[in-house]
Amino acid sequence: MPSVSVRLFASLREKVGERQVDVEVPEGADVRALYRALAERYPQVRPYLETAVCAVDEEYVTAAHILRDGDRVALIPPVSGGC
């Protein structure tokens, strides 16, 4: 089963308590499948995944992007702040 390395940023990192997690996904899985796997493992991140931006190997991708074994995924939730 393919495994991807998922780097978590901002509120996602805070909710999971880890900067990076490895997730196994089925062969031919897309980013949506990764989101489902993360939501199963970490239910507290489910609301954040709906608006997160995803990059695979430093390229922004859509939720339909097919993941491959060894991909490096970055999940970035929307952030706000400042003065």
N, C-alpha and C. Protein backbone atom coordinates (compact mmCIF):
# COMPACT_ATOMS: atom_id res chain seq x y z
N MET A 1 0.85 -1.17 0.00
CA MET A 1 0.00 0.00 0.00
C MET A 1 0.91 1.24 0.00
N PRO A 2 0.65 2.19 -0.87
CA PRO A 2 1.48 3.40 -0.91
C PRO A 2 1.41 4.19 0.39
N SER A 3 2.51 4.83 0.70
CA SER A 3 2.60 5.67 1.89
C SER A 3 3.07 7.06 1.47
N VAL A 4 2.42 8.08 2.03
CA VAL A 4 2.82 9.46 1.76
C VAL A 4 3.19 10.12 3.07
N SER A 5 4.10 11.06 2.98
CA SER A 5 4.53 11.84 4.14
C SER A 5 3.77 13.15 4.11
N VAL A 6 3.04 13.45 5.18
CA VAL A 6 2.19 14.63 5.22
C VAL A 6 2.73 15.62 6.24
N ARG A 7 3.12 16.78 5.75
CA ARG A 7 3.59 17.86 6.62
C ARG A 7 2.41 18.75 6.94
N LEU A 8 2.20 19.02 8.21
CA LEU A 8 1.05 19.78 8.68
C LEU A 8 1.49 21.17 9.13
N PHE A 9 0.70 22.15 8.80
CA PHE A 9 1.01 23.53 9.14
C PHE A 9 -0.09 24.14 10.00
N ALA A 10 0.30 25.15 10.77
CA ALA A 10 -0.61 26.01 11.55
C ALA A 10 -1.59 25.19 12.39
N SER A 11 -2.89 25.44 12.26
CA SER A 11 -3.88 24.80 13.11
C SER A 11 -3.91 23.28 12.94
N LEU A 12 -3.60 22.78 11.75
CA LEU A 12 -3.55 21.33 11.57
C LEU A 12 -2.46 20.71 12.44
N ARG A 13 -1.31 21.34 12.46
CA ARG A 13 -0.21 20.85 13.30
C ARG A 13 -0.59 20.90 14.77
N GLU A 14 -1.25 21.98 15.18
CA GLU A 14 -1.66 22.12 16.57
C GLU A 14 -2.67 21.05 16.97
N LYS A 15 -3.64 20.79 16.10
CA LYS A 15 -4.68 19.80 16.42
C LYS A 15 -4.14 18.38 16.48
N VAL A 16 -3.20 18.06 15.60
CA VAL A 16 -2.65 16.71 15.56
C VAL A 16 -1.55 16.54 16.60
N GLY A 17 -0.82 17.62 16.89
CA GLY A 17 0.27 17.54 17.85
C GLY A 17 1.56 17.02 17.24
N GLU A 18 1.62 16.97 15.93
CA GLU A 18 2.81 16.51 15.20
C GLU A 18 3.03 17.43 14.02
N ARG A 19 4.27 17.59 13.63
CA ARG A 19 4.59 18.39 12.44
C ARG A 19 4.42 17.58 11.16
N GLN A 20 4.65 16.27 11.28
CA GLN A 20 4.59 15.42 10.10
C GLN A 20 4.06 14.05 10.49
N VAL A 21 3.25 13.46 9.62
CA VAL A 21 2.73 12.11 9.83
C VAL A 21 2.85 11.34 8.52
N ASP A 22 3.01 10.05 8.63
CA ASP A 22 3.00 9.18 7.45
C ASP A 22 1.63 8.51 7.38
N VAL A 23 1.07 8.49 6.18
CA VAL A 23 -0.27 7.94 5.99
C VAL A 23 -0.24 6.96 4.83
N GLU A 24 -0.79 5.77 5.06
CA GLU A 24 -0.94 4.80 3.98
C GLU A 24 -2.25 5.08 3.26
N VAL A 25 -2.20 5.06 1.94
CA VAL A 25 -3.39 5.28 1.12
C VAL A 25 -3.49 4.14 0.12
N PRO A 26 -4.70 3.83 -0.35
CA PRO A 26 -4.83 2.77 -1.35
C PRO A 26 -4.15 3.15 -2.66
N GLU A 27 -3.77 2.17 -3.42
CA GLU A 27 -3.19 2.40 -4.76
C GLU A 27 -4.19 3.21 -5.58
N GLY A 28 -3.70 4.26 -6.24
CA GLY A 28 -4.56 5.11 -7.07
C GLY A 28 -5.36 6.14 -6.30
N ALA A 29 -5.08 6.31 -5.01
CA ALA A 29 -5.83 7.25 -4.18
C ALA A 29 -5.52 8.69 -4.58
N ASP A 30 -6.53 9.54 -4.45
CA ASP A 30 -6.32 10.95 -4.71
C ASP A 30 -6.25 11.71 -3.38
N VAL A 31 -6.11 13.01 -3.46
CA VAL A 31 -5.98 13.84 -2.26
C VAL A 31 -7.22 13.71 -1.39
N ARG A 32 -8.41 13.57 -1.99
CA ARG A 32 -9.65 13.39 -1.20
C ARG A 32 -9.54 12.15 -0.31
N ALA A 33 -8.96 11.08 -0.84
CA ALA A 33 -8.79 9.85 -0.05
C ALA A 33 -7.84 10.10 1.11
N LEU A 34 -6.82 10.90 0.88
CA LEU A 34 -5.90 11.25 1.96
C LEU A 34 -6.63 12.03 3.04
N TYR A 35 -7.47 12.98 2.63
CA TYR A 35 -8.26 13.76 3.61
C TYR A 35 -9.15 12.83 4.43
N ARG A 36 -9.78 11.85 3.78
CA ARG A 36 -10.63 10.91 4.52
C ARG A 36 -9.81 10.10 5.53
N ALA A 37 -8.62 9.64 5.11
CA ALA A 37 -7.76 8.88 6.01
C ALA A 37 -7.32 9.72 7.20
N LEU A 38 -6.97 10.98 6.94
CA LEU A 38 -6.58 11.86 8.04
C LEU A 38 -7.75 12.14 8.98
N ALA A 39 -8.94 12.35 8.43
CA ALA A 39 -10.12 12.62 9.25
C ALA A 39 -10.49 11.41 10.11
N GLU A 40 -10.26 10.20 9.58
CA GLU A 40 -10.50 8.99 10.37
C GLU A 40 -9.52 8.89 11.53
N ARG A 41 -8.26 9.16 11.24
CA ARG A 41 -7.21 9.03 12.25
C ARG A 41 -7.25 10.19 13.25
N TYR A 42 -7.56 11.38 12.75
CA TYR A 42 -7.57 12.60 13.59
C TYR A 42 -8.89 13.34 13.37
N PRO A 43 -9.98 12.90 13.97
CA PRO A 43 -11.29 13.52 13.73
C PRO A 43 -11.31 15.03 14.01
N GLN A 44 -10.45 15.48 14.88
CA GLN A 44 -10.42 16.90 15.23
C GLN A 44 -9.98 17.80 14.07
N VAL A 45 -9.39 17.24 13.02
CA VAL A 45 -8.94 18.07 11.89
C VAL A 45 -9.95 18.13 10.75
N ARG A 46 -11.00 17.35 10.84
CA ARG A 46 -11.99 17.28 9.75
C ARG A 46 -12.43 18.66 9.26
N PRO A 47 -12.82 19.60 10.14
CA PRO A 47 -13.27 20.92 9.64
C PRO A 47 -12.17 21.70 8.92
N TYR A 48 -10.95 21.48 9.27
CA TYR A 48 -9.84 22.23 8.68
C TYR A 48 -9.47 21.70 7.29
N LEU A 49 -9.75 20.43 7.04
CA LEU A 49 -9.38 19.83 5.76
C LEU A 49 -10.22 20.37 4.61
N GLU A 50 -11.45 20.80 4.91
CA GLU A 50 -12.35 21.29 3.86
C GLU A 50 -11.79 22.52 3.15
N THR A 51 -10.98 23.30 3.85
CA THR A 51 -10.47 24.55 3.27
C THR A 51 -8.95 24.56 3.13
N ALA A 52 -8.32 23.45 3.44
CA ALA A 52 -6.85 23.39 3.36
C ALA A 52 -6.37 23.42 1.91
N VAL A 53 -5.21 24.00 1.72
CA VAL A 53 -4.53 23.99 0.43
C VAL A 53 -3.53 22.83 0.48
N CYS A 54 -3.44 22.11 -0.63
CA CYS A 54 -2.58 20.94 -0.68
C CYS A 54 -1.49 21.13 -1.72
N ALA A 55 -0.27 20.77 -1.34
CA ALA A 55 0.84 20.75 -2.28
C ALA A 55 1.47 19.36 -2.22
N VAL A 56 1.85 18.85 -3.38
CA VAL A 56 2.53 17.55 -3.46
C VAL A 56 3.87 17.80 -4.12
N ASP A 57 4.92 17.43 -3.40
CA ASP A 57 6.28 17.65 -3.89
C ASP A 57 6.47 19.10 -4.35
N GLU A 58 6.00 20.02 -3.50
CA GLU A 58 6.17 21.47 -3.67
C GLU A 58 5.40 22.07 -4.84
N GLU A 59 4.37 21.37 -5.32
CA GLU A 59 3.50 21.88 -6.39
C GLU A 59 2.06 21.86 -5.87
N TYR A 60 1.36 22.99 -5.94
CA TYR A 60 -0.03 23.00 -5.53
C TYR A 60 -0.85 22.10 -6.44
N VAL A 61 -1.77 21.33 -5.83
CA VAL A 61 -2.58 20.38 -6.58
C VAL A 61 -4.04 20.49 -6.15
N THR A 62 -4.92 19.92 -6.96
CA THR A 62 -6.33 19.87 -6.63
C THR A 62 -6.62 18.59 -5.84
N ALA A 63 -7.83 18.48 -5.35
CA ALA A 63 -8.24 17.30 -4.58
C ALA A 63 -8.29 16.05 -5.45
N ALA A 64 -8.32 16.21 -6.77
CA ALA A 64 -8.37 15.07 -7.68
C ALA A 64 -6.98 14.52 -8.02
N HIS A 65 -5.94 15.16 -7.53
CA HIS A 65 -4.57 14.73 -7.83
C HIS A 65 -4.33 13.32 -7.28
N ILE A 66 -3.79 12.44 -8.11
CA ILE A 66 -3.50 11.06 -7.71
C ILE A 66 -2.15 11.02 -6.98
N LEU A 67 -2.16 10.40 -5.81
CA LEU A 67 -0.95 10.29 -4.99
C LEU A 67 -0.15 9.05 -5.37
N ARG A 68 1.16 9.16 -5.22
CA ARG A 68 2.05 8.02 -5.48
C ARG A 68 2.86 7.73 -4.22
N ASP A 69 3.31 6.51 -4.12
CA ASP A 69 4.13 6.10 -2.99
C ASP A 69 5.32 7.04 -2.85
N GLY A 70 5.54 7.53 -1.64
CA GLY A 70 6.68 8.39 -1.36
C GLY A 70 6.43 9.88 -1.58
N ASP A 71 5.24 10.25 -2.05
CA ASP A 71 4.95 11.68 -2.23
C ASP A 71 5.10 12.42 -0.91
N ARG A 72 5.55 13.67 -1.04
CA ARG A 72 5.65 14.56 0.12
C ARG A 72 4.53 15.58 -0.01
N VAL A 73 3.57 15.49 0.91
CA VAL A 73 2.37 16.32 0.87
C VAL A 73 2.47 17.39 1.95
N ALA A 74 2.07 18.59 1.60
CA ALA A 74 1.97 19.69 2.58
C ALA A 74 0.52 20.12 2.64
N LEU A 75 -0.03 20.22 3.85
CA LEU A 75 -1.40 20.69 4.03
C LEU A 75 -1.35 22.00 4.80
N ILE A 76 -1.93 23.03 4.18
CA ILE A 76 -1.86 24.37 4.73
C ILE A 76 -3.28 24.91 4.88
N PRO A 77 -3.74 25.08 6.12
CA PRO A 77 -5.07 25.64 6.30
C PRO A 77 -5.03 27.15 6.08
N PRO A 78 -6.20 27.74 5.80
CA PRO A 78 -6.20 29.20 5.67
C PRO A 78 -5.79 29.84 6.99
N VAL A 79 -5.05 30.91 6.90
CA VAL A 79 -4.63 31.60 8.11
C VAL A 79 -5.06 33.06 8.04
N SER A 80 -5.25 33.64 9.18
CA SER A 80 -5.55 35.06 9.25
C SER A 80 -4.84 35.64 10.45
N GLY A 81 -4.84 36.91 10.51
CA GLY A 81 -4.18 37.55 11.65
C GLY A 81 -3.54 38.85 11.23
N GLY A 82 -2.71 39.34 12.07
CA GLY A 82 -2.05 40.61 11.77
C GLY A 82 -2.79 41.75 12.42
N CYS A 83 -2.32 42.93 12.17
CA CYS A 83 -2.93 44.11 12.78
C CYS A 83 -3.74 44.88 11.78
